[in-house]
Amino acid sequence: MDYQKILDELANGKLEKYEVDPQTAFDFQTALRAYGKRQNITGRALRGGKIIYTRAEASD
């Protein structure tokens, strides 16, 4: 899985959201922690362990 591409698309607004299953959550979190623009991405936990990541709203 190319998490770098997914993170770039989330941060740039090309991808509206990305859903992560519990089985891949650790790998995605590892990629997110190493990502330079991680402050532009936010996650929301759902029941069952899924997480939906979206672009963070700008705080002007």
PDB file of N, CA and C in Angstrom:
ATOM      1  N   MET A   1       0.857  -1.182   0.000  1.00  0.00           N
ATOM      2  CA  MET A   1       0.000   0.000   0.000  1.00  0.00           C
ATOM      3  C   MET A   1       0.897   1.238   0.000  1.00  0.00           C
ATOM      4  N   ASP A   2       0.588   2.180  -0.858  1.00  0.00           N
ATOM      5  CA  ASP A   2       1.371   3.411  -0.960  1.00  0.00           C
ATOM      6  C   ASP A   2       0.750   4.491  -0.068  1.00  0.00           C
ATOM      7  N   TYR A   3       1.064   4.412   1.229  1.00  0.00           N
ATOM      8  CA  TYR A   3       0.496   5.363   2.181  1.00  0.00           C
ATOM      9  C   TYR A   3       0.985   6.783   1.926  1.00  0.00           C
ATOM     10  N   GLN A   4       2.189   6.940   1.415  1.00  0.00           N
ATOM     11  CA  GLN A   4       2.723   8.272   1.113  1.00  0.00           C
ATOM     12  C   GLN A   4       1.819   8.981   0.105  1.00  0.00           C
ATOM     13  N   LYS A   5       1.414   8.281  -0.929  1.00  0.00           N
ATOM     14  CA  LYS A   5       0.535   8.862  -1.946  1.00  0.00           C
ATOM     15  C   LYS A   5      -0.821   9.206  -1.343  1.00  0.00           C
ATOM     16  N   ILE A   6      -1.355   8.323  -0.529  1.00  0.00           N
ATOM     17  CA  ILE A   6      -2.646   8.570   0.111  1.00  0.00           C
ATOM     18  C   ILE A   6      -2.556   9.796   1.014  1.00  0.00           C
ATOM     19  N   LEU A   7      -1.498   9.897   1.799  1.00  0.00           N
ATOM     20  CA  LEU A   7      -1.323  11.049   2.688  1.00  0.00           C
ATOM     21  C   LEU A   7      -1.168  12.343   1.896  1.00  0.00           C
ATOM     22  N   ASP A   8      -0.418  12.307   0.797  1.00  0.00           N
ATOM     23  CA  ASP A   8      -0.285  13.491  -0.060  1.00  0.00           C
ATOM     24  C   ASP A   8      -1.641  13.926  -0.594  1.00  0.00           C
ATOM     25  N   GLU A   9      -2.432  12.969  -1.064  1.00  0.00           N
ATOM     26  CA  GLU A   9      -3.742  13.291  -1.623  1.00  0.00           C
ATOM     27  C   GLU A   9      -4.698  13.817  -0.551  1.00  0.00           C
ATOM     28  N   LEU A  10      -4.620  13.289   0.659  1.00  0.00           N
ATOM     29  CA  LEU A  10      -5.440  13.818   1.760  1.00  0.00           C
ATOM     30  C   LEU A  10      -5.028  15.244   2.105  1.00  0.00           C
ATOM     31  N   ALA A  11      -3.740  15.479   2.260  1.00  0.00           N
ATOM     32  CA  ALA A  11      -3.239  16.799   2.655  1.00  0.00           C
ATOM     33  C   ALA A  11      -3.524  17.857   1.600  1.00  0.00           C
ATOM     34  N   ASN A  12      -3.510  17.456   0.330  1.00  0.00           N
ATOM     35  CA  ASN A  12      -3.737  18.411  -0.758  1.00  0.00           C
ATOM     36  C   ASN A  12      -5.195  18.544  -1.155  1.00  0.00           C
ATOM     37  N   GLY A  13      -6.084  17.774  -0.553  1.00  0.00           N
ATOM     38  CA  GLY A  13      -7.500  17.863  -0.850  1.00  0.00           C
ATOM     39  C   GLY A  13      -7.936  17.074  -2.074  1.00  0.00           C
ATOM     40  N   LYS A  14      -7.051  16.302  -2.659  1.00  0.00           N
ATOM     41  CA  LYS A  14      -7.422  15.488  -3.821  1.00  0.00           C
ATOM     42  C   LYS A  14      -8.246  14.273  -3.406  1.00  0.00           C
ATOM     43  N   LEU A  15      -8.053  13.829  -2.182  1.00  0.00           N
ATOM     44  CA  LEU A  15      -8.795  12.702  -1.630  1.00  0.00           C
ATOM     45  C   LEU A  15      -9.611  13.232  -0.461  1.00  0.00           C
ATOM     46  N   GLU A  16     -10.919  13.018  -0.503  1.00  0.00           N
ATOM     47  CA  GLU A  16     -11.807  13.559   0.525  1.00  0.00           C
ATOM     48  C   GLU A  16     -11.626  12.868   1.870  1.00  0.00           C
ATOM     49  N   LYS A  17     -11.531  11.522   1.829  1.00  0.00           N
ATOM     50  CA  LYS A  17     -11.344  10.772   3.066  1.00  0.00           C
ATOM     51  C   LYS A  17     -10.691   9.438   2.754  1.00  0.00           C
ATOM     52  N   TYR A  18     -10.115   8.830   3.793  1.00  0.00           N
ATOM     53  CA  TYR A  18      -9.507   7.519   3.667  1.00  0.00           C
ATOM     54  C   TYR A  18      -9.839   6.726   4.916  1.00  0.00           C
ATOM     55  N   GLU A  19     -10.426   5.564   4.730  1.00  0.00           N
ATOM     56  CA  GLU A  19     -10.840   4.727   5.851  1.00  0.00           C
ATOM     57  C   GLU A  19      -9.812   3.624   6.090  1.00  0.00           C
ATOM     58  N   VAL A  20      -9.404   3.492   7.341  1.00  0.00           N
ATOM     59  CA  VAL A  20      -8.397   2.505   7.726  1.00  0.00           C
ATOM     60  C   VAL A  20      -9.056   1.443   8.603  1.00  0.00           C
ATOM     61  N   ASP A  21      -8.845   0.185   8.247  1.00  0.00           N
ATOM     62  CA  ASP A  21      -9.347  -0.935   9.041  1.00  0.00           C
ATOM     63  C   ASP A  21      -8.398  -1.205  10.201  1.00  0.00           C
ATOM     64  N   PRO A  22      -8.904  -1.862  11.250  1.00  0.00           N
ATOM     65  CA  PRO A  22      -8.031  -2.166  12.393  1.00  0.00           C
ATOM     66  C   PRO A  22      -6.790  -2.972  12.014  1.00  0.00           C
ATOM     67  N   GLN A  23      -6.889  -3.814  10.989  1.00  0.00           N
ATOM     68  CA  GLN A  23      -5.759  -4.652  10.596  1.00  0.00           C
ATOM     69  C   GLN A  23      -4.607  -3.840  10.007  1.00  0.00           C
ATOM     70  N   THR A  24      -4.891  -2.699   9.408  1.00  0.00           N
ATOM     71  CA  THR A  24      -3.852  -1.887   8.783  1.00  0.00           C
ATOM     72  C   THR A  24      -3.580  -0.577   9.536  1.00  0.00           C
ATOM     73  N   ALA A  25      -4.254  -0.387  10.666  1.00  0.00           N
ATOM     74  CA  ALA A  25      -4.146   0.878  11.402  1.00  0.00           C
ATOM     75  C   ALA A  25      -2.716   1.162  11.864  1.00  0.00           C
ATOM     76  N   PHE A  26      -2.015   0.151  12.353  1.00  0.00           N
ATOM     77  CA  PHE A  26      -0.653   0.373  12.846  1.00  0.00           C
ATOM     78  C   PHE A  26       0.270   0.817  11.717  1.00  0.00           C
ATOM     79  N   ASP A  27       0.194   0.153  10.569  1.00  0.00           N
ATOM     80  CA  ASP A  27       1.034   0.522   9.429  1.00  0.00           C
ATOM     81  C   ASP A  27       0.724   1.941   8.949  1.00  0.00           C
ATOM     82  N   PHE A  28      -0.561   2.291   8.908  1.00  0.00           N
ATOM     83  CA  PHE A  28      -0.927   3.638   8.473  1.00  0.00           C
ATOM     84  C   PHE A  28      -0.440   4.672   9.475  1.00  0.00           C
ATOM     85  N   GLN A  29      -0.586   4.393  10.769  1.00  0.00           N
ATOM     86  CA  GLN A  29      -0.124   5.325  11.801  1.00  0.00           C
ATOM     87  C   GLN A  29       1.385   5.546  11.720  1.00  0.00           C
ATOM     88  N   THR A  30       2.123   4.502  11.431  1.00  0.00           N
ATOM     89  CA  THR A  30       3.569   4.622  11.281  1.00  0.00           C
ATOM     90  C   THR A  30       3.909   5.563  10.131  1.00  0.00           C
ATOM     91  N   ALA A  31       3.213   5.406   9.009  1.00  0.00           N
ATOM     92  CA  ALA A  31       3.439   6.284   7.858  1.00  0.00           C
ATOM     93  C   ALA A  31       3.011   7.715   8.174  1.00  0.00           C
ATOM     94  N   LEU A  32       1.906   7.876   8.892  1.00  0.00           N
ATOM     95  CA  LEU A  32       1.416   9.207   9.243  1.00  0.00           C
ATOM     96  C   LEU A  32       2.394   9.939  10.159  1.00  0.00           C
ATOM     97  N   ARG A  33       2.962   9.244  11.119  1.00  0.00           N
ATOM     98  CA  ARG A  33       3.926   9.876  12.045  1.00  0.00           C
ATOM     99  C   ARG A  33       5.169  10.361  11.322  1.00  0.00           C
ATOM    100  N   ALA A  34       5.554   9.668  10.269  1.00  0.00           N
ATOM    101  CA  ALA A  34       6.738  10.053   9.502  1.00  0.00           C
ATOM    102  C   ALA A  34       6.429  11.090   8.434  1.00  0.00           C
ATOM    103  N   TYR A  35       5.152  11.388   8.219  1.00  0.00           N
ATOM    104  CA  TYR A  35       4.732  12.303   7.159  1.00  0.00           C
ATOM    105  C   TYR A  35       4.970  13.748   7.583  1.00  0.00           C
ATOM    106  N   GLY A  36       5.564  14.540   6.715  1.00  0.00           N
ATOM    107  CA  GLY A  36       5.931  15.914   7.034  1.00  0.00           C
ATOM    108  C   GLY A  36       4.770  16.867   7.250  1.00  0.00           C
ATOM    109  N   LYS A  37       3.638  16.611   6.609  1.00  0.00           N
ATOM    110  CA  LYS A  37       2.487  17.509   6.723  1.00  0.00           C
ATOM    111  C   LYS A  37       1.365  16.877   7.537  1.00  0.00           C
ATOM    112  N   ARG A  38       1.706  16.097   8.554  1.00  0.00           N
ATOM    113  CA  ARG A  38       0.673  15.368   9.282  1.00  0.00           C
ATOM    114  C   ARG A  38      -0.309  16.273  10.019  1.00  0.00           C
ATOM    115  N   GLN A  39       0.072  17.519  10.283  1.00  0.00           N
ATOM    116  CA  GLN A  39      -0.846  18.451  10.942  1.00  0.00           C
ATOM    117  C   GLN A  39      -2.013  18.813  10.028  1.00  0.00           C
ATOM    118  N   ASN A  40      -1.910  18.499   8.736  1.00  0.00           N
ATOM    119  CA  ASN A  40      -2.980  18.777   7.783  1.00  0.00           C
ATOM    120  C   ASN A  40      -3.994  17.644   7.708  1.00  0.00           C
ATOM    121  N   ILE A  41      -3.794  16.583   8.478  1.00  0.00           N
ATOM    122  CA  ILE A  41      -4.650  15.409   8.415  1.00  0.00           C
ATOM    123  C   ILE A  41      -5.188  15.104   9.805  1.00  0.00           C
ATOM    124  N   THR A  42      -6.466  14.790   9.875  1.00  0.00           N
ATOM    125  CA  THR A  42      -7.079  14.452  11.152  1.00  0.00           C
ATOM    126  C   THR A  42      -7.815  13.127  11.018  1.00  0.00           C
ATOM    127  N   GLY A  43      -7.891  12.397  12.127  1.00  0.00           N
ATOM    128  CA  GLY A  43      -8.560  11.109  12.123  1.00  0.00           C
ATOM    129  C   GLY A  43      -9.716  11.090  13.095  1.00  0.00           C
ATOM    130  N   ARG A  44     -10.735  10.301  12.738  1.00  0.00           N
ATOM    131  CA  ARG A  44     -11.899  10.147  13.610  1.00  0.00           C
ATOM    132  C   ARG A  44     -12.156   8.658  13.773  1.00  0.00           C
ATOM    133  N   ALA A  45     -12.097   8.186  15.014  1.00  0.00           N
ATOM    134  CA  ALA A  45     -12.293   6.762  15.300  1.00  0.00           C
ATOM    135  C   ALA A  45     -13.779   6.420  15.253  1.00  0.00           C
ATOM    136  N   LEU A  46     -14.057   5.264  14.675  1.00  0.00           N
ATOM    137  CA  LEU A  46     -15.416   4.750  14.602  1.00  0.00           C
ATOM    138  C   LEU A  46     -15.520   3.490  15.450  1.00  0.00           C
ATOM    139  N   ARG A  47     -16.729   3.058  15.693  1.00  0.00           N
ATOM    140  CA  ARG A  47     -16.928   1.800  16.404  1.00  0.00           C
ATOM    141  C   ARG A  47     -16.361   0.663  15.575  1.00  0.00           C
ATOM    142  N   GLY A  48     -15.818  -0.304  16.240  1.00  0.00           N
ATOM    143  CA  GLY A  48     -15.256  -1.448  15.553  1.00  0.00           C
ATOM    144  C   GLY A  48     -13.795  -1.280  15.198  1.00  0.00           C
ATOM    145  N   GLY A  49     -13.196  -0.146  15.545  1.00  0.00           N
ATOM    146  CA  GLY A  49     -11.773   0.054  15.321  1.00  0.00           C
ATOM    147  C   GLY A  49     -11.389   0.745  14.032  1.00  0.00           C
ATOM    148  N   LYS A  50     -12.354   1.072  13.186  1.00  0.00           N
ATOM    149  CA  LYS A  50     -12.028   1.780  11.949  1.00  0.00           C
ATOM    150  C   LYS A  50     -11.744   3.247  12.250  1.00  0.00           C
ATOM    151  N   ILE A  51     -10.908   3.847  11.423  1.00  0.00           N
ATOM    152  CA  ILE A  51     -10.583   5.267  11.550  1.00  0.00           C
ATOM    153  C   ILE A  51     -10.748   5.906  10.187  1.00  0.00           C
ATOM    154  N   ILE A  52     -11.413   7.064  10.155  1.00  0.00           N
ATOM    155  CA  ILE A  52     -11.553   7.813   8.909  1.00  0.00           C
ATOM    156  C   ILE A  52     -10.664   9.043   9.007  1.00  0.00           C
ATOM    157  N   TYR A  53      -9.746   9.153   8.058  1.00  0.00           N
ATOM    158  CA  TYR A  53      -8.840  10.298   7.995  1.00  0.00           C
ATOM    159  C   TYR A  53      -9.326  11.266   6.932  1.00  0.00           C
ATOM    160  N   THR A  54      -9.279  12.553   7.262  1.00  0.00           N
ATOM    161  CA  THR A  54      -9.665  13.607   6.337  1.00  0.00           C
ATOM    162  C   THR A  54      -8.673  14.746   6.454  1.00  0.00           C
ATOM    163  N   ARG A  55      -8.797  15.677   5.536  1.00  0.00           N
ATOM    164  CA  ARG A  55      -7.966  16.892   5.598  1.00  0.00           C
ATOM    165  C   ARG A  55      -8.450  17.749   6.745  1.00  0.00           C
ATOM    166  N   ALA A  56      -7.530  18.242   7.541  1.00  0.00           N
ATOM    167  CA  ALA A  56      -7.871  19.092   8.688  1.00  0.00           C
ATOM    168  C   ALA A  56      -8.334  20.452   8.173  1.00  0.00           C
ATOM    169  N   GLU A  57      -9.262  21.037   8.883  1.00  0.00           N
ATOM    170  CA  GLU A  57      -9.738  22.368   8.534  1.00  0.00           C
ATOM    171  C   GLU A  57      -8.675  23.395   8.857  1.00  0.00           C
ATOM    172  N   ALA A  58      -8.541  24.383   7.999  1.00  0.00           N
ATOM    173  CA  ALA A  58      -7.573  25.468   8.237  1.00  0.00           C
ATOM    174  C   ALA A  58      -8.036  26.304   9.413  1.00  0.00           C
ATOM    175  N   SER A  59      -7.099  26.680  10.276  1.00  0.00           N
ATOM    176  CA  SER A  59      -7.433  27.506  11.441  1.00  0.00           C
ATOM    177  C   SER A  59      -6.814  28.884  11.272  1.00  0.00           C
ATOM    178  N   ASP A  60      -7.542  29.753  10.575  1.00  0.00           N
ATOM    179  CA  ASP A  60      -7.055  31.119  10.326  1.00  0.00           C
ATOM    180  C   ASP A  60      -7.587  32.080  11.356  1.00  0.00           C
TER     181      ASP A  60
END
